[in-house]
Each structure stands twice: as structure tokens, then as C-alpha cells.
Amino acid sequence: MGRDPRRLRTYGRRKGHRLSARKTRLLDELLPKLRLDLEAPPPAPLASLFPGSHSQVWLEIGFGAGEHLVWQAQANPHIGFIGCEPFINGVATLLGEIDARKLANILIHDGDAREVLDWLGDASLARIFLLYPDPWPKARHHKRRLMSPRTLAAFARVMNRDAQLRVASDSGDYVRTTLEAVFAGKDFEWLAEGPADWRARPPDWPQTRYEKKALGEGGKAHSLIFRRV
């Protein structure tokens, strides 16, 4: 399943600084073993993608360097994880952690997450993470934001009832965009009961480097949790 050239790009650069010899080797040798095969139909149940016994599958979109994904995979060995990230340096860093920690419950898509959403079967995910996506702050670029009613509808299709959608951003405008999309539909319920529920992360939600950077620059972190109804 290839990239749709008609789609607007929702992410930035694909590659940064030159990779070390070890990371290059991991991209050449380990990534092909962990890359999600979008040419084959998704299995039912989806958890059978992973070796051993796994009860659910969770998806992280834009995992950056993978610190949140690795934390979740270690804390939840009975869960299978799919991580999407087009930035190859971040993929290489995650591969290094998978290799060092011998993690067997992570698969990777090193491309546009929308390709994975198109591929997945109905009601196949129990959780989606969208943490600090590119905010595309300029008004003329807002159309490139991943969060939109169309994306939210795609999330709703692939998530089972009571599945969680977790969204984090330091952009108040992006948070507003997210809430407007949620409130415009009927597929998700915001679980917040008060300000503390979006100003503080729950214990099973570790800090990412993007949140740390935002807070260090005087920004505010917003942690939103929605339930698929």
C-alpha cells in the first residue's frame, strides 16, 4: 500500500544528521524485520501480528525518538504496539532501544501514519497516542495538521468501543482544533472533569522530550484523554 500523492504532507523533514554506523546497521538489518507489512491484509485478531500472547494492540503516531513508546512497551508486555514515524533518525533511535532492551512487542511503520489507518481493520485498536504532533502554527499551513474531522473519523473506525485516544500538545490552538473536531462528532467522549485532568498526565503517561522542551521554554502542556463511545 503506497503513499497517496494527493494527500497533503502532515509532517516535517524525513532525515536529520548523519547516522552512526550502529544505527545504519539497525536500519538495514533490524527495521526490515519489524516493519509493518501493509501489502498483506491485517490479521484477525490484529494482536496475532506479534509473537506470543497479546491481548490488545495500541498505536502511537509520530513517536519521535520513541521514549514514550519504549516506556509503554516495557510497562505493558502483554500489549502489542505499532509505532509510526517518518523521521528516519527517530526510527533509528527507537531501533537502538528495541535492540538493547530486547523488546518483542513493537512493530514500526516508517512513513505516513494515515497509510496504517487505511490498512487497519474495523475496531482493531484499543488505544491511539498522538503526542505533540507538528502544530503547523502558521494559518496557511493549518490544512496540514493531522488532527481533523477526517482523521478523527479514521480513528473512530479502527478503535473498538471504550478504546482511549490520548492527545498531547503545547499549542493551545492545536488543542482547540482537537476539541472542536471531537465535539463536532459523536464518536468520542472527553474524559476530563476539571482543569487538572488536562494539565497533568496520569501515572501511566510518561513525559516526552517534546513536553520537557515545551515546559522549559515556558509553554504549557495539555494532556487530553478521549473514550471511543
Foldseek 3Di string as FASTA:
>chain_A
DDDDPVDDAQADDQEDDDDDPQLVVCVVPVQVVQADDLVDAQDVQNQVVFPDAADFEEEEEACQLPPLVLLLCVVHVNYAYEYEAQHSVSVSNVSVVCVVVVGRRYHYHNDHCVSVLVRAAFQNHQEYEYEAGDCLPDPVCNVSHCDALVNVVSVLGRHHAFRKYKYKHLDPVVVVRNVVSVVVDDFKDWPDPDPVVFQDDPPSGDDDPVCVVQVVVVTGMTITMIGGD
